[in-house]
N, C-alpha and C. Protein backbone atom coordinates (compact mmCIF):
# COMPACT_ATOMS: atom_id res chain seq x y z
N MET A 1 122.24 113.89 78.89
CA MET A 1 121.29 114.95 79.09
C MET A 1 119.88 114.38 79.28
N ARG A 2 119.58 113.36 78.49
CA ARG A 2 118.28 112.74 78.59
C ARG A 2 118.08 112.08 79.95
N MET A 3 119.12 111.46 80.48
CA MET A 3 119.04 110.82 81.80
C MET A 3 118.84 111.87 82.89
N LEU A 4 119.47 113.02 82.75
CA LEU A 4 119.33 114.10 83.72
C LEU A 4 117.89 114.61 83.73
N ALA A 5 117.31 114.78 82.56
CA ALA A 5 115.92 115.23 82.47
C ALA A 5 114.98 114.19 83.06
N LEU A 6 115.24 112.92 82.81
CA LEU A 6 114.42 111.84 83.36
C LEU A 6 114.52 111.80 84.88
N ALA A 7 115.72 111.99 85.41
CA ALA A 7 115.92 112.01 86.86
C ALA A 7 115.20 113.19 87.49
N ALA A 8 115.25 114.35 86.85
CA ALA A 8 114.55 115.53 87.37
C ALA A 8 113.04 115.31 87.37
N PHE A 9 112.53 114.70 86.32
CA PHE A 9 111.10 114.42 86.24
C PHE A 9 110.69 113.42 87.31
N ALA A 10 111.50 112.39 87.53
CA ALA A 10 111.20 111.40 88.57
C ALA A 10 111.22 112.05 89.95
N GLY A 11 112.14 112.96 90.17
CA GLY A 11 112.20 113.69 91.44
C GLY A 11 110.97 114.55 91.65
N LEU A 12 110.51 115.17 90.59
CA LEU A 12 109.31 116.00 90.66
C LEU A 12 108.10 115.15 90.99
N LEU A 13 107.98 114.00 90.35
CA LEU A 13 106.87 113.09 90.65
C LEU A 13 106.92 112.60 92.09
N ALA A 14 108.10 112.27 92.57
CA ALA A 14 108.23 111.81 93.95
C ALA A 14 107.84 112.90 94.94
N ALA A 15 108.20 114.13 94.64
CA ALA A 15 107.85 115.24 95.52
C ALA A 15 106.35 115.46 95.56
N CYS A 16 105.68 115.21 94.44
CA CYS A 16 104.23 115.38 94.39
C CYS A 16 103.50 114.25 95.09
N ALA A 17 104.14 113.13 95.28
CA ALA A 17 103.49 111.95 95.84
C ALA A 17 103.75 111.79 97.33
N THR A 18 103.84 112.89 98.06
CA THR A 18 104.04 112.82 99.50
C THR A 18 102.99 113.66 100.19
N ALA A 19 102.74 113.33 101.45
CA ALA A 19 101.79 114.10 102.24
C ALA A 19 102.33 115.52 102.44
N THR A 20 101.43 116.43 102.72
CA THR A 20 101.82 117.83 102.93
C THR A 20 102.69 117.95 104.17
N PRO A 21 103.89 118.50 104.05
CA PRO A 21 104.73 118.71 105.23
C PRO A 21 104.26 119.94 106.01
N TYR A 22 104.73 120.05 107.23
CA TYR A 22 104.41 121.19 108.08
C TYR A 22 105.24 122.38 107.62
N ALA A 23 104.63 123.29 106.91
CA ALA A 23 105.31 124.46 106.36
C ALA A 23 104.29 125.52 106.01
N PRO A 24 104.72 126.77 105.97
CA PRO A 24 103.77 127.82 105.56
C PRO A 24 103.45 127.68 104.09
N THR A 25 102.26 128.09 103.72
CA THR A 25 101.88 128.04 102.32
C THR A 25 102.31 129.34 101.66
N GLU A 26 102.95 129.21 100.54
CA GLU A 26 103.39 130.38 99.79
C GLU A 26 102.25 130.91 98.92
N THR A 27 101.36 130.02 98.54
CA THR A 27 100.20 130.38 97.72
C THR A 27 98.96 129.87 98.44
N ALA A 28 97.88 129.70 97.73
CA ALA A 28 96.65 129.20 98.34
C ALA A 28 96.60 127.67 98.32
N ASP A 29 97.74 127.01 98.08
CA ASP A 29 97.73 125.57 97.97
C ASP A 29 97.76 124.87 99.33
N TYR A 30 98.87 124.28 99.72
CA TYR A 30 98.91 123.43 100.90
C TYR A 30 99.87 123.96 101.95
N GLY A 31 99.53 123.74 103.22
CA GLY A 31 100.35 124.19 104.31
C GLY A 31 99.54 125.06 105.26
N PHE A 32 100.24 125.79 106.15
CA PHE A 32 99.51 126.62 107.11
C PHE A 32 99.64 128.10 106.78
N ARG A 33 98.67 128.83 107.27
CA ARG A 33 98.70 130.29 107.20
C ARG A 33 97.83 130.81 108.34
N GLU A 34 98.08 132.05 108.72
CA GLU A 34 97.28 132.64 109.77
C GLU A 34 96.93 134.08 109.42
N GLN A 35 95.89 134.53 110.07
CA GLN A 35 95.41 135.90 109.87
C GLN A 35 95.09 136.48 111.25
N ARG A 36 95.72 137.59 111.57
CA ARG A 36 95.46 138.26 112.86
C ARG A 36 94.11 138.94 112.79
N ILE A 37 93.29 138.71 113.81
CA ILE A 37 91.97 139.32 113.90
C ILE A 37 91.98 140.47 114.92
N GLU A 38 92.56 140.21 116.08
CA GLU A 38 92.77 141.21 117.12
C GLU A 38 94.16 140.97 117.69
N ASP A 39 94.57 141.77 118.67
CA ASP A 39 95.90 141.60 119.27
C ASP A 39 96.13 140.19 119.80
N ASN A 40 95.11 139.60 120.42
CA ASN A 40 95.29 138.28 121.01
C ASN A 40 94.46 137.21 120.29
N ARG A 41 93.95 137.51 119.11
CA ARG A 41 93.05 136.57 118.40
C ARG A 41 93.57 136.36 116.98
N ILE A 42 93.70 135.09 116.60
CA ILE A 42 94.24 134.73 115.28
C ILE A 42 93.43 133.59 114.67
N ARG A 43 93.24 133.65 113.36
CA ARG A 43 92.61 132.54 112.62
C ARG A 43 93.74 131.78 111.94
N ILE A 44 93.77 130.46 112.16
CA ILE A 44 94.81 129.60 111.58
C ILE A 44 94.14 128.59 110.66
N THR A 45 94.78 128.35 109.52
CA THR A 45 94.29 127.37 108.56
C THR A 45 95.42 126.43 108.19
N PHE A 46 95.13 125.15 108.12
CA PHE A 46 96.09 124.19 107.55
C PHE A 46 95.35 123.39 106.50
N ARG A 47 95.89 123.42 105.28
CA ARG A 47 95.29 122.70 104.15
C ARG A 47 96.24 121.61 103.72
N GLY A 48 95.76 120.37 103.68
CA GLY A 48 96.57 119.24 103.24
C GLY A 48 96.23 118.82 101.83
N ASN A 49 97.14 118.06 101.22
CA ASN A 49 96.85 117.51 99.89
C ASN A 49 96.09 116.19 100.06
N THR A 50 95.87 115.48 98.98
CA THR A 50 95.07 114.25 99.04
C THR A 50 95.79 113.10 99.73
N LEU A 51 97.08 113.24 100.02
CA LEU A 51 97.82 112.20 100.73
C LEU A 51 97.97 112.51 102.22
N THR A 52 97.41 113.63 102.67
CA THR A 52 97.49 114.03 104.07
C THR A 52 96.16 113.70 104.74
N ASP A 53 96.19 112.81 105.72
CA ASP A 53 94.93 112.40 106.35
C ASP A 53 94.40 113.47 107.31
N ARG A 54 93.17 113.28 107.71
CA ARG A 54 92.48 114.25 108.57
C ARG A 54 93.22 114.46 109.89
N GLU A 55 93.68 113.39 110.49
CA GLU A 55 94.37 113.48 111.78
C GLU A 55 95.63 114.35 111.68
N ALA A 56 96.40 114.18 110.61
CA ALA A 56 97.61 114.97 110.43
C ALA A 56 97.27 116.45 110.25
N VAL A 57 96.25 116.76 109.48
CA VAL A 57 95.84 118.14 109.25
C VAL A 57 95.44 118.79 110.58
N GLU A 58 94.66 118.08 111.40
CA GLU A 58 94.22 118.62 112.68
C GLU A 58 95.38 118.74 113.68
N THR A 59 96.31 117.80 113.63
CA THR A 59 97.50 117.86 114.50
C THR A 59 98.36 119.07 114.14
N TYR A 60 98.59 119.28 112.84
CA TYR A 60 99.38 120.42 112.39
C TYR A 60 98.72 121.74 112.80
N LEU A 61 97.41 121.79 112.74
CA LEU A 61 96.70 123.01 113.13
C LEU A 61 96.93 123.31 114.62
N LEU A 62 96.79 122.31 115.47
CA LEU A 62 97.01 122.52 116.91
C LEU A 62 98.46 122.90 117.20
N TYR A 63 99.38 122.24 116.51
CA TYR A 63 100.80 122.56 116.70
C TYR A 63 101.08 124.00 116.30
N ARG A 64 100.49 124.43 115.17
CA ARG A 64 100.69 125.81 114.73
C ARG A 64 100.09 126.79 115.73
N ALA A 65 98.95 126.46 116.31
CA ALA A 65 98.32 127.32 117.32
C ALA A 65 99.26 127.49 118.52
N ALA A 66 99.91 126.41 118.94
CA ALA A 66 100.86 126.49 120.05
C ALA A 66 102.06 127.34 119.66
N GLU A 67 102.58 127.16 118.47
CA GLU A 67 103.73 127.95 117.99
C GLU A 67 103.41 129.44 117.96
N VAL A 68 102.26 129.78 117.38
CA VAL A 68 101.86 131.18 117.27
C VAL A 68 101.68 131.79 118.65
N THR A 69 101.11 131.03 119.57
CA THR A 69 100.91 131.52 120.94
C THR A 69 102.25 131.85 121.59
N LEU A 70 103.21 130.96 121.47
CA LEU A 70 104.53 131.19 122.07
C LEU A 70 105.27 132.33 121.36
N GLN A 71 105.15 132.42 120.05
CA GLN A 71 105.78 133.51 119.30
C GLN A 71 105.23 134.88 119.71
N ASN A 72 104.00 134.91 120.18
CA ASN A 72 103.38 136.15 120.63
C ASN A 72 103.59 136.40 122.12
N GLY A 73 104.46 135.60 122.75
CA GLY A 73 104.78 135.80 124.16
C GLY A 73 103.68 135.40 125.12
N LYS A 74 102.78 134.53 124.69
CA LYS A 74 101.65 134.09 125.52
C LYS A 74 101.91 132.67 126.01
N ASP A 75 101.11 132.25 126.99
CA ASP A 75 101.32 130.93 127.61
C ASP A 75 100.31 129.87 127.18
N TYR A 76 99.07 130.27 126.99
CA TYR A 76 98.05 129.30 126.60
C TYR A 76 97.10 129.93 125.59
N PHE A 77 96.37 129.05 124.90
CA PHE A 77 95.40 129.52 123.93
C PHE A 77 94.07 128.82 124.14
N VAL A 78 93.02 129.49 123.75
CA VAL A 78 91.66 128.94 123.81
C VAL A 78 91.17 128.82 122.38
N VAL A 79 90.66 127.64 122.03
CA VAL A 79 90.10 127.44 120.70
C VAL A 79 88.67 127.98 120.72
N VAL A 80 88.45 129.09 120.04
CA VAL A 80 87.14 129.74 120.03
C VAL A 80 86.23 129.02 119.04
N THR A 81 86.71 128.81 117.83
CA THR A 81 85.97 128.02 116.84
C THR A 81 86.96 127.08 116.16
N ARG A 82 86.43 125.96 115.71
CA ARG A 82 87.28 124.97 115.06
C ARG A 82 86.44 124.15 114.10
N ASP A 83 86.97 123.91 112.90
CA ASP A 83 86.24 123.13 111.92
C ASP A 83 87.24 122.43 111.01
N THR A 84 86.86 121.26 110.54
CA THR A 84 87.66 120.56 109.53
C THR A 84 86.75 120.28 108.36
N GLU A 85 87.13 120.81 107.21
CA GLU A 85 86.34 120.62 106.00
C GLU A 85 86.93 119.49 105.17
N GLU A 86 86.05 118.72 104.58
CA GLU A 86 86.45 117.60 103.72
C GLU A 86 86.06 117.95 102.29
N HIS A 87 87.03 117.90 101.39
CA HIS A 87 86.79 118.20 99.99
C HIS A 87 87.08 116.92 99.19
N SER A 88 86.04 116.32 98.60
CA SER A 88 86.21 115.08 97.83
C SER A 88 85.86 115.32 96.38
N ARG A 89 86.53 114.57 95.51
CA ARG A 89 86.22 114.61 94.09
C ARG A 89 86.61 113.28 93.47
N LEU A 90 86.09 113.02 92.28
CA LEU A 90 86.45 111.82 91.55
C LEU A 90 87.63 112.14 90.65
N GLN A 91 88.58 111.21 90.60
CA GLN A 91 89.76 111.38 89.76
C GLN A 91 89.87 110.16 88.87
N GLY A 92 90.06 110.39 87.58
CA GLY A 92 90.20 109.29 86.63
C GLY A 92 91.50 108.55 86.81
N ASP A 93 91.45 107.23 86.64
CA ASP A 93 92.63 106.39 86.78
C ASP A 93 93.24 105.99 85.45
N GLY A 94 92.66 106.42 84.36
CA GLY A 94 93.22 106.02 83.08
C GLY A 94 92.60 106.82 81.95
N PHE A 95 92.95 106.41 80.75
CA PHE A 95 92.46 107.14 79.60
C PHE A 95 91.01 106.79 79.33
N GLY A 96 90.77 105.54 78.99
CA GLY A 96 89.41 105.11 78.71
C GLY A 96 88.81 105.87 77.54
N ASN A 97 87.61 105.49 77.20
CA ASN A 97 86.90 106.13 76.11
C ASN A 97 85.85 107.05 76.72
N ARG A 98 86.21 108.30 76.89
CA ARG A 98 85.32 109.23 77.59
C ARG A 98 84.13 109.66 76.74
N TYR A 99 84.23 109.57 75.43
CA TYR A 99 83.19 110.12 74.58
C TYR A 99 82.39 109.05 73.84
N GLY A 100 82.72 107.79 74.00
CA GLY A 100 81.97 106.74 73.33
C GLY A 100 82.33 106.57 71.87
N PHE A 101 83.51 106.95 71.47
CA PHE A 101 83.93 106.85 70.07
C PHE A 101 84.47 105.46 69.79
N SER A 102 84.28 104.98 68.60
CA SER A 102 85.13 103.94 68.07
C SER A 102 85.85 104.62 66.90
N TYR A 103 86.65 103.90 66.18
CA TYR A 103 87.34 104.54 65.08
C TYR A 103 86.38 104.93 63.96
N PHE A 104 85.29 104.21 63.85
CA PHE A 104 84.43 104.40 62.69
C PHE A 104 83.09 105.06 63.00
N ALA A 105 82.61 104.95 64.22
CA ALA A 105 81.28 105.50 64.49
C ALA A 105 81.10 105.76 65.97
N PHE A 106 80.23 106.67 66.26
CA PHE A 106 79.85 106.91 67.64
C PHE A 106 78.88 105.81 68.03
N ARG A 107 79.09 105.19 69.19
CA ARG A 107 78.22 104.08 69.60
C ARG A 107 78.17 103.99 71.12
N PRO A 108 77.14 103.43 71.67
CA PRO A 108 77.08 103.25 73.12
C PRO A 108 78.06 102.17 73.59
N HIS A 109 78.31 102.11 74.88
CA HIS A 109 79.29 101.18 75.45
C HIS A 109 78.69 99.83 75.82
N TYR A 110 77.87 99.27 75.00
CA TYR A 110 77.35 97.94 75.31
C TYR A 110 77.26 97.13 74.02
N GLY A 111 77.22 95.84 74.18
CA GLY A 111 77.13 94.98 73.01
C GLY A 111 78.47 94.78 72.32
N TRP A 112 78.48 93.84 71.39
CA TRP A 112 79.69 93.50 70.66
C TRP A 112 79.87 94.48 69.52
N SER A 113 81.15 94.80 69.22
CA SER A 113 81.45 95.68 68.11
C SER A 113 82.68 95.15 67.39
N PRO A 114 82.65 95.07 66.07
CA PRO A 114 83.84 94.62 65.34
C PRO A 114 84.97 95.63 65.41
N TRP A 115 84.68 96.86 65.83
CA TRP A 115 85.71 97.90 65.89
C TRP A 115 86.23 98.13 67.30
N TYR A 116 86.05 97.17 68.18
CA TYR A 116 86.48 97.33 69.57
C TYR A 116 88.00 97.46 69.64
N ASP A 117 88.47 98.47 70.30
CA ASP A 117 89.90 98.69 70.51
C ASP A 117 90.15 98.59 72.02
N PRO A 118 90.88 97.57 72.50
CA PRO A 118 91.03 97.38 73.94
C PRO A 118 91.74 98.53 74.65
N PHE A 119 92.55 99.29 73.92
CA PHE A 119 93.21 100.43 74.57
C PHE A 119 92.26 101.62 74.65
N TRP A 120 91.69 102.01 73.53
CA TRP A 120 90.87 103.21 73.49
C TRP A 120 89.50 102.99 74.12
N ASP A 121 88.91 101.81 73.93
CA ASP A 121 87.53 101.58 74.38
C ASP A 121 87.43 101.05 75.81
N GLU A 122 88.55 100.85 76.48
CA GLU A 122 88.50 100.39 77.87
C GLU A 122 87.79 101.44 78.72
N PRO A 123 86.79 101.04 79.50
CA PRO A 123 86.08 102.05 80.29
C PRO A 123 87.00 102.71 81.32
N SER A 124 86.78 103.98 81.54
CA SER A 124 87.58 104.71 82.52
C SER A 124 87.24 104.23 83.93
N ARG A 125 88.24 104.26 84.79
CA ARG A 125 88.03 103.93 86.19
C ARG A 125 88.25 105.19 87.00
N TYR A 126 87.46 105.35 88.02
CA TYR A 126 87.57 106.54 88.86
C TYR A 126 87.78 106.13 90.30
N ARG A 127 88.42 107.01 91.05
CA ARG A 127 88.56 106.80 92.48
C ARG A 127 88.28 108.13 93.15
N GLU A 128 87.78 108.04 94.36
CA GLU A 128 87.50 109.26 95.10
C GLU A 128 88.76 109.70 95.85
N VAL A 129 89.13 110.95 95.72
CA VAL A 129 90.25 111.51 96.46
C VAL A 129 89.72 112.61 97.37
N THR A 130 90.28 112.68 98.56
CA THR A 130 89.80 113.62 99.56
C THR A 130 90.98 114.40 100.13
N ARG A 131 90.78 115.66 100.35
CA ARG A 131 91.76 116.47 101.05
C ARG A 131 91.03 117.20 102.17
N TYR A 132 91.77 117.51 103.22
CA TYR A 132 91.18 118.14 104.40
C TYR A 132 91.78 119.51 104.63
N GLU A 133 90.95 120.38 105.18
CA GLU A 133 91.38 121.73 105.55
C GLU A 133 90.83 122.00 106.94
N ALA A 134 91.73 122.26 107.90
CA ALA A 134 91.32 122.56 109.27
C ALA A 134 91.47 124.05 109.51
N ILE A 135 90.47 124.63 110.16
CA ILE A 135 90.43 126.06 110.42
C ILE A 135 90.09 126.26 111.89
N ALA A 136 90.82 127.13 112.56
CA ALA A 136 90.52 127.44 113.96
C ALA A 136 90.76 128.91 114.23
N GLU A 137 89.97 129.44 115.09
CA GLU A 137 90.20 130.78 115.60
C GLU A 137 90.61 130.60 117.05
N ILE A 138 91.74 131.19 117.42
CA ILE A 138 92.24 131.03 118.78
C ILE A 138 92.38 132.40 119.45
N ALA A 139 92.24 132.39 120.77
CA ALA A 139 92.52 133.56 121.59
C ALA A 139 93.69 133.18 122.49
N MET A 140 94.70 134.05 122.61
CA MET A 140 95.93 133.75 123.35
C MET A 140 96.00 134.58 124.63
N PHE A 141 96.50 133.93 125.72
CA PHE A 141 96.55 134.59 127.02
C PHE A 141 97.84 134.26 127.76
N ASN A 142 98.17 135.10 128.75
CA ASN A 142 99.30 134.86 129.66
C ASN A 142 98.78 134.20 130.93
N GLY A 143 99.69 133.52 131.62
CA GLY A 143 99.35 132.92 132.90
C GLY A 143 99.08 131.44 132.77
N ALA A 144 98.55 130.88 133.85
CA ALA A 144 98.25 129.45 133.87
C ALA A 144 96.94 129.17 133.14
N LYS A 145 96.91 128.07 132.44
CA LYS A 145 95.71 127.65 131.72
C LYS A 145 94.61 127.37 132.74
N PRO A 146 93.38 127.85 132.53
CA PRO A 146 92.28 127.55 133.44
C PRO A 146 92.00 126.04 133.47
N ALA A 147 91.96 125.46 134.63
CA ALA A 147 91.79 124.02 134.78
C ALA A 147 90.41 123.54 134.35
N ASN A 148 89.41 124.37 134.46
CA ASN A 148 88.03 123.93 134.17
C ASN A 148 87.58 124.30 132.75
N GLN A 149 88.47 124.74 131.90
CA GLN A 149 88.12 125.15 130.53
C GLN A 149 88.66 124.11 129.55
N ALA A 150 87.77 123.30 128.99
CA ALA A 150 88.16 122.18 128.12
C ALA A 150 88.78 122.63 126.80
N ASP A 151 88.44 123.81 126.34
CA ASP A 151 88.97 124.26 125.05
C ASP A 151 90.21 125.15 125.20
N ALA A 152 90.83 125.13 126.39
CA ALA A 152 92.07 125.86 126.65
C ALA A 152 93.25 124.89 126.60
N PHE A 153 94.35 125.32 125.98
CA PHE A 153 95.52 124.45 125.80
C PHE A 153 96.77 125.18 126.25
N ASP A 154 97.61 124.51 127.01
CA ASP A 154 98.92 125.03 127.39
C ASP A 154 99.82 124.90 126.16
N ALA A 155 100.31 126.02 125.64
CA ALA A 155 101.06 126.02 124.38
C ALA A 155 102.34 125.20 124.45
N ARG A 156 103.08 125.28 125.57
CA ARG A 156 104.32 124.52 125.69
C ARG A 156 104.06 123.02 125.75
N GLU A 157 103.00 122.65 126.44
CA GLU A 157 102.65 121.23 126.56
C GLU A 157 102.19 120.67 125.21
N VAL A 158 101.38 121.43 124.48
CA VAL A 158 100.93 120.99 123.15
C VAL A 158 102.14 120.81 122.24
N GLN A 159 103.03 121.80 122.24
CA GLN A 159 104.22 121.73 121.39
C GLN A 159 105.08 120.52 121.75
N SER A 160 105.27 120.29 123.03
CA SER A 160 106.08 119.16 123.49
C SER A 160 105.46 117.82 123.10
N ASN A 161 104.15 117.70 123.27
CA ASN A 161 103.47 116.43 123.00
C ASN A 161 103.32 116.12 121.50
N LEU A 162 103.22 117.14 120.67
CA LEU A 162 102.99 116.91 119.23
C LEU A 162 104.25 116.97 118.39
N GLN A 163 105.36 117.42 118.96
CA GLN A 163 106.61 117.61 118.23
C GLN A 163 107.01 116.38 117.40
N GLY A 164 106.86 115.20 117.97
CA GLY A 164 107.28 113.97 117.28
C GLY A 164 106.41 113.60 116.09
N ARG A 165 105.26 114.22 115.94
CA ARG A 165 104.34 113.89 114.84
C ARG A 165 104.40 114.91 113.70
N ILE A 166 105.28 115.88 113.84
CA ILE A 166 105.38 116.93 112.83
C ILE A 166 106.44 116.55 111.80
N VAL A 167 106.02 116.51 110.53
CA VAL A 167 106.93 116.20 109.43
C VAL A 167 107.22 117.49 108.69
N ARG A 168 108.45 117.90 108.73
CA ARG A 168 108.87 119.15 108.09
C ARG A 168 109.37 118.85 106.67
N PRO A 169 109.35 119.85 105.80
CA PRO A 169 109.85 119.63 104.44
C PRO A 169 111.35 119.33 104.47
N PRO A 170 111.84 118.57 103.50
CA PRO A 170 113.28 118.28 103.45
C PRO A 170 114.07 119.56 103.22
N ALA A 171 115.26 119.61 103.83
CA ALA A 171 116.13 120.77 103.66
C ALA A 171 116.65 120.80 102.22
N GLU A 172 116.71 121.97 101.66
CA GLU A 172 117.17 122.07 100.26
C GLU A 172 118.62 122.44 100.19
């Protein structure tokens, strides 16, 4: 029973240590979602976790725009607005002594102390972690994509070209 619990915990940790797959978000966490604004206008968001790089988040957003366009029976889409937000924070890498305690007295973190404990008094280390969120508003149309419009994309071509870069969640 103990081994089963350990295996389940290891599986949970492994699942948490992967980049965000291309999937709808069930909550406000990670994945894609869309909001219809008008009949031919939709806002799409893709939010990645800290292991999903900016390029993947932006690729998933474009792929989703192509999918939504085709699902709505349209041929091409125009990106009306587009933005990628970067959210960074510091994350601790260990326990460390966050409050400056020793076992016997409160003291600053400098100088020699006879009460130094290498486990508890080791200074904390931090690293910066970043996650990206891409947001676009698209307008969808029928017919051939205008050749002189740089922000217009042929949905079938986008889907075909990006298909190989899309990582879907494992089947359960």
